[in-house]
Amino acid sequence: MSMHGTVRQSFPGLPERGAGELPVLTLAYIGDTVFDLYVRTFLIHKLLTTAHSTHTEAAKIVCASGQTAAFRKIEPLLNEAELRVYHRGRNAHGGSVPKNASVQDYRVATGLETLIGHLYWTGQDNRLEELMNTILEDYADEQPQQLFE
């Protein structure tokens, strides 16, 4: 069963909602959370450190510029359908841009989050895992760090 299916099963009384029924920015919202969960889980296993230090490292990856770099790594691997989902998210306009992000990085990050959210919501866990492994592979090659100082 997919990760989304497992969570969904915990709440049997709620109506089923397909990915096509969700607003693009809702997919980005859930995608941001899934991306963050993958990064934090990876870092907790990778770094022998405090929660604060893990948060500091995670913030470098989950910020708009970090997500833009992540998207650039996986962009050549995406199929046409995935690129369409990404473009829908990138072109969505919602609210304001955070003060520490450029408009361009913010839009690319929103597109990536939309793609991640779509893969999660549609139960494409293997593809999600493949893309997240590609995103995090450079960090995996580094030696584990101990930051208890």
C-alpha atoms as a PDB file:
ATOM      1  CA  MET A   1       0.000   0.000   0.000  1.00  0.00           C
ATOM      2  CA  SER A   2       1.212   3.504  -0.761  1.00  0.00           C
ATOM      3  CA  MET A   3       2.202   5.985   1.928  1.00  0.00           C
ATOM      4  CA  HIS A   4      -0.873   8.095   1.103  1.00  0.00           C
ATOM      5  CA  GLY A   5      -3.056   4.979   1.149  1.00  0.00           C
ATOM      6  CA  THR A   6      -1.781   4.058   4.600  1.00  0.00           C
ATOM      7  CA  VAL A   7      -2.542   7.518   5.979  1.00  0.00           C
ATOM      8  CA  ARG A   8      -5.897   7.627   4.154  1.00  0.00           C
ATOM      9  CA  GLN A   9      -6.890   4.252   5.621  1.00  0.00           C
ATOM     10  CA  SER A  10      -6.544   5.718   9.121  1.00  0.00           C
ATOM     11  CA  PHE A  11      -9.516   8.001   8.423  1.00  0.00           C
ATOM     12  CA  PRO A  12     -12.188   5.815   6.776  1.00  0.00           C
ATOM     13  CA  GLY A  13     -15.024   8.326   7.244  1.00  0.00           C
ATOM     14  CA  LEU A  14     -13.447  11.054   5.136  1.00  0.00           C
ATOM     15  CA  PRO A  15     -14.425  11.459   1.480  1.00  0.00           C
ATOM     16  CA  GLU A  16     -11.945  10.255  -1.131  1.00  0.00           C
ATOM     17  CA  ARG A  17     -10.329  13.055  -3.128  1.00  0.00           C
ATOM     18  CA  GLY A  18      -8.378  12.390  -6.303  1.00  0.00           C
ATOM     19  CA  ALA A  19      -5.335  14.475  -7.210  1.00  0.00           C
ATOM     20  CA  GLY A  20      -7.301  16.053 -10.076  1.00  0.00           C
ATOM     21  CA  GLU A  21      -9.829  17.418  -7.599  1.00  0.00           C
ATOM     22  CA  LEU A  22      -7.215  19.257  -5.561  1.00  0.00           C
ATOM     23  CA  PRO A  23      -6.148  22.829  -6.280  1.00  0.00           C
ATOM     24  CA  VAL A  24      -2.569  23.050  -7.514  1.00  0.00           C
ATOM     25  CA  LEU A  25      -1.412  24.956  -4.445  1.00  0.00           C
ATOM     26  CA  THR A  26      -2.937  22.274  -2.214  1.00  0.00           C
ATOM     27  CA  LEU A  27      -0.730  19.704  -3.966  1.00  0.00           C
ATOM     28  CA  ALA A  28       2.220  22.054  -3.403  1.00  0.00           C
ATOM     29  CA  TYR A  29       1.271  22.352   0.273  1.00  0.00           C
ATOM     30  CA  ILE A  30       1.260  18.586   0.831  1.00  0.00           C
ATOM     31  CA  GLY A  31       4.348  18.216  -1.389  1.00  0.00           C
ATOM     32  CA  ASP A  32       6.253  20.677   0.774  1.00  0.00           C
ATOM     33  CA  THR A  33       5.461  18.547   3.811  1.00  0.00           C
ATOM     34  CA  VAL A  34       6.456  15.275   2.102  1.00  0.00           C
ATOM     35  CA  PHE A  35       9.697  16.821   0.800  1.00  0.00           C
ATOM     36  CA  ASP A  36      10.497  18.125   4.277  1.00  0.00           C
ATOM     37  CA  LEU A  37       9.764  14.720   5.832  1.00  0.00           C
ATOM     38  CA  TYR A  38      12.102  12.943   3.392  1.00  0.00           C
ATOM     39  CA  VAL A  39      14.903  15.465   3.995  1.00  0.00           C
ATOM     40  CA  ARG A  40      14.582  15.440   7.784  1.00  0.00           C
ATOM     41  CA  THR A  41      14.359  11.643   7.946  1.00  0.00           C
ATOM     42  CA  PHE A  42      17.443  11.350   5.739  1.00  0.00           C
ATOM     43  CA  LEU A  43      19.404  13.863   7.823  1.00  0.00           C
ATOM     44  CA  ILE A  44      18.481  12.237  11.119  1.00  0.00           C
ATOM     45  CA  HIS A  45      19.884   8.959   9.803  1.00  0.00           C
ATOM     46  CA  LYS A  46      22.891  10.685   8.215  1.00  0.00           C
ATOM     47  CA  LEU A  47      23.937  13.133  10.923  1.00  0.00           C
ATOM     48  CA  LEU A  48      24.766  12.154  14.476  1.00  0.00           C
ATOM     49  CA  THR A  49      23.626  15.430  15.912  1.00  0.00           C
ATOM     50  CA  THR A  50      21.091  17.459  17.840  1.00  0.00           C
ATOM     51  CA  ALA A  51      17.609  18.324  16.590  1.00  0.00           C
ATOM     52  CA  HIS A  52      18.657  21.966  16.243  1.00  0.00           C
ATOM     53  CA  SER A  53      21.644  21.113  14.028  1.00  0.00           C
ATOM     54  CA  THR A  54      19.491  18.793  11.937  1.00  0.00           C
ATOM     55  CA  HIS A  55      16.963  21.606  11.494  1.00  0.00           C
ATOM     56  CA  THR A  56      19.739  23.976  10.406  1.00  0.00           C
ATOM     57  CA  GLU A  57      20.946  21.504   7.769  1.00  0.00           C
ATOM     58  CA  ALA A  58      17.399  20.736   6.609  1.00  0.00           C
ATOM     59  CA  ALA A  59      16.652  24.427   6.173  1.00  0.00           C
ATOM     60  CA  LYS A  60      19.441  24.642   3.571  1.00  0.00           C
ATOM     61  CA  ILE A  61      17.727  21.977   1.469  1.00  0.00           C
ATOM     62  CA  VAL A  62      14.039  22.774   1.929  1.00  0.00           C
ATOM     63  CA  CYS A  63      14.292  26.523   1.229  1.00  0.00           C
ATOM     64  CA  ALA A  64      13.346  27.886  -2.202  1.00  0.00           C
ATOM     65  CA  SER A  65      16.932  27.995  -3.491  1.00  0.00           C
ATOM     66  CA  GLY A  66      17.599  24.484  -2.173  1.00  0.00           C
ATOM     67  CA  GLN A  67      14.450  23.168  -3.812  1.00  0.00           C
ATOM     68  CA  THR A  68      15.414  24.908  -7.065  1.00  0.00           C
ATOM     69  CA  ALA A  69      18.758  23.096  -6.993  1.00  0.00           C
ATOM     70  CA  ALA A  70      16.901  19.855  -6.224  1.00  0.00           C
ATOM     71  CA  PHE A  71      14.597  20.357  -9.200  1.00  0.00           C
ATOM     72  CA  ARG A  72      17.530  21.025 -11.537  1.00  0.00           C
ATOM     73  CA  LYS A  73      18.992  17.632 -10.512  1.00  0.00           C
ATOM     74  CA  ILE A  74      15.846  15.691 -11.372  1.00  0.00           C
ATOM     75  CA  GLU A  75      14.588  17.750 -14.303  1.00  0.00           C
ATOM     76  CA  PRO A  76      16.275  15.556 -16.953  1.00  0.00           C
ATOM     77  CA  LEU A  77      14.663  12.462 -15.398  1.00  0.00           C
ATOM     78  CA  LEU A  78      11.075  13.700 -15.573  1.00  0.00           C
ATOM     79  CA  ASN A  79       8.590  12.380 -18.108  1.00  0.00           C
ATOM     80  CA  GLU A  80       6.066  14.568 -19.952  1.00  0.00           C
ATOM     81  CA  ALA A  81       3.254  13.999 -17.447  1.00  0.00           C
ATOM     82  CA  GLU A  82       5.520  14.897 -14.513  1.00  0.00           C
ATOM     83  CA  LEU A  83       6.723  18.020 -16.305  1.00  0.00           C
ATOM     84  CA  ARG A  84       3.093  19.069 -16.891  1.00  0.00           C
ATOM     85  CA  VAL A  85       2.383  18.730 -13.149  1.00  0.00           C
ATOM     86  CA  TYR A  86       5.556  20.694 -12.349  1.00  0.00           C
ATOM     87  CA  HIS A  87       4.600  23.467 -14.816  1.00  0.00           C
ATOM     88  CA  ARG A  88       1.099  23.734 -13.335  1.00  0.00           C
ATOM     89  CA  GLY A  89       2.663  24.332  -9.928  1.00  0.00           C
ATOM     90  CA  ARG A  90       5.361  26.661 -11.184  1.00  0.00           C
ATOM     91  CA  ASN A  91       2.801  28.805 -12.992  1.00  0.00           C
ATOM     92  CA  ALA A  92       0.336  28.949 -10.091  1.00  0.00           C
ATOM     93  CA  HIS A  93       0.144  32.267  -8.333  1.00  0.00           C
ATOM     94  CA  GLY A  94      -0.591  32.322  -4.663  1.00  0.00           C
ATOM     95  CA  GLY A  95       0.101  34.956  -2.103  1.00  0.00           C
ATOM     96  CA  SER A  96       3.433  36.583  -1.570  1.00  0.00           C
ATOM     97  CA  VAL A  97       7.001  35.444  -2.119  1.00  0.00           C
ATOM     98  CA  PRO A  98       9.079  34.980   1.057  1.00  0.00           C
ATOM     99  CA  LYS A  99      11.530  37.833   1.571  1.00  0.00           C
ATOM    100  CA  ASN A 100      14.561  35.518   1.444  1.00  0.00           C
ATOM    101  CA  ALA A 101      13.653  33.973  -1.943  1.00  0.00           C
ATOM    102  CA  SER A 102      13.692  35.263  -5.489  1.00  0.00           C
ATOM    103  CA  VAL A 103      10.462  35.080  -7.463  1.00  0.00           C
ATOM    104  CA  GLN A 104      12.093  32.646  -9.886  1.00  0.00           C
ATOM    105  CA  ASP A 105      13.317  30.291  -7.129  1.00  0.00           C
ATOM    106  CA  TYR A 106       9.959  30.481  -5.371  1.00  0.00           C
ATOM    107  CA  ARG A 107       8.086  29.460  -8.507  1.00  0.00           C
ATOM    108  CA  VAL A 108      10.474  26.591  -9.292  1.00  0.00           C
ATOM    109  CA  ALA A 109      10.187  25.418  -5.673  1.00  0.00           C
ATOM    110  CA  THR A 110       6.394  25.555  -5.879  1.00  0.00           C
ATOM    111  CA  GLY A 111       6.533  23.478  -9.059  1.00  0.00           C
ATOM    112  CA  LEU A 112       8.740  20.887  -7.360  1.00  0.00           C
ATOM    113  CA  GLU A 113       6.452  20.785  -4.325  1.00  0.00           C
ATOM    114  CA  THR A 114       3.446  20.299  -6.624  1.00  0.00           C
ATOM    115  CA  LEU A 115       5.172  17.371  -8.338  1.00  0.00           C
ATOM    116  CA  ILE A 116       6.129  15.791  -5.002  1.00  0.00           C
ATOM    117  CA  GLY A 117       2.576  16.301  -3.723  1.00  0.00           C
ATOM    118  CA  HIS A 118       1.105  14.762  -6.866  1.00  0.00           C
ATOM    119  CA  LEU A 119       3.362  11.687  -6.639  1.00  0.00           C
ATOM    120  CA  TYR A 120       2.470  11.249  -2.974  1.00  0.00           C
ATOM    121  CA  TRP A 121      -1.276  11.777  -3.469  1.00  0.00           C
ATOM    122  CA  THR A 122      -1.456   9.377  -6.420  1.00  0.00           C
ATOM    123  CA  GLY A 123       0.450   6.640  -4.582  1.00  0.00           C
ATOM    124  CA  GLN A 124       3.539   6.725  -6.799  1.00  0.00           C
ATOM    125  CA  ASP A 125       5.857   5.941  -3.889  1.00  0.00           C
ATOM    126  CA  ASN A 126       8.519   4.189  -5.973  1.00  0.00           C
ATOM    127  CA  ARG A 127       8.866   7.182  -8.287  1.00  0.00           C
ATOM    128  CA  LEU A 128       8.849   9.579  -5.350  1.00  0.00           C
ATOM    129  CA  GLU A 129      11.587   7.558  -3.660  1.00  0.00           C
ATOM    130  CA  GLU A 130      13.636   7.447  -6.869  1.00  0.00           C
ATOM    131  CA  LEU A 131      13.495  11.225  -7.298  1.00  0.00           C
ATOM    132  CA  MET A 132      14.218  11.936  -3.617  1.00  0.00           C
ATOM    133  CA  ASN A 133      17.206   9.562  -3.738  1.00  0.00           C
ATOM    134  CA  THR A 134      18.548  11.500  -6.721  1.00  0.00           C
ATOM    135  CA  ILE A 135      18.015  14.795  -4.916  1.00  0.00           C
ATOM    136  CA  LEU A 136      19.798  13.598  -1.769  1.00  0.00           C
ATOM    137  CA  GLU A 137      22.535  11.448  -3.362  1.00  0.00           C
ATOM    138  CA  ASP A 138      25.240  14.117  -3.032  1.00  0.00           C
ATOM    139  CA  TYR A 139      24.548  14.369   0.692  1.00  0.00           C
ATOM    140  CA  ALA A 140      24.587  10.566   1.029  1.00  0.00           C
ATOM    141  CA  ASP A 141      28.109  10.383  -0.397  1.00  0.00           C
ATOM    142  CA  GLU A 142      29.512  12.610   2.339  1.00  0.00           C
ATOM    143  CA  GLN A 143      30.895  11.057   5.497  1.00  0.00           C
ATOM    144  CA  PRO A 144      28.483  11.069   8.452  1.00  0.00           C
ATOM    145  CA  GLN A 145      28.998  14.106  10.608  1.00  0.00           C
ATOM    146  CA  GLN A 146      29.025  14.355  14.349  1.00  0.00           C
ATOM    147  CA  LEU A 147      27.978  17.800  15.454  1.00  0.00           C
ATOM    148  CA  PHE A 148      27.495  17.434  19.194  1.00  0.00           C
ATOM    149  CA  GLU A 149      29.819  20.333  19.975  1.00  0.00           C
END
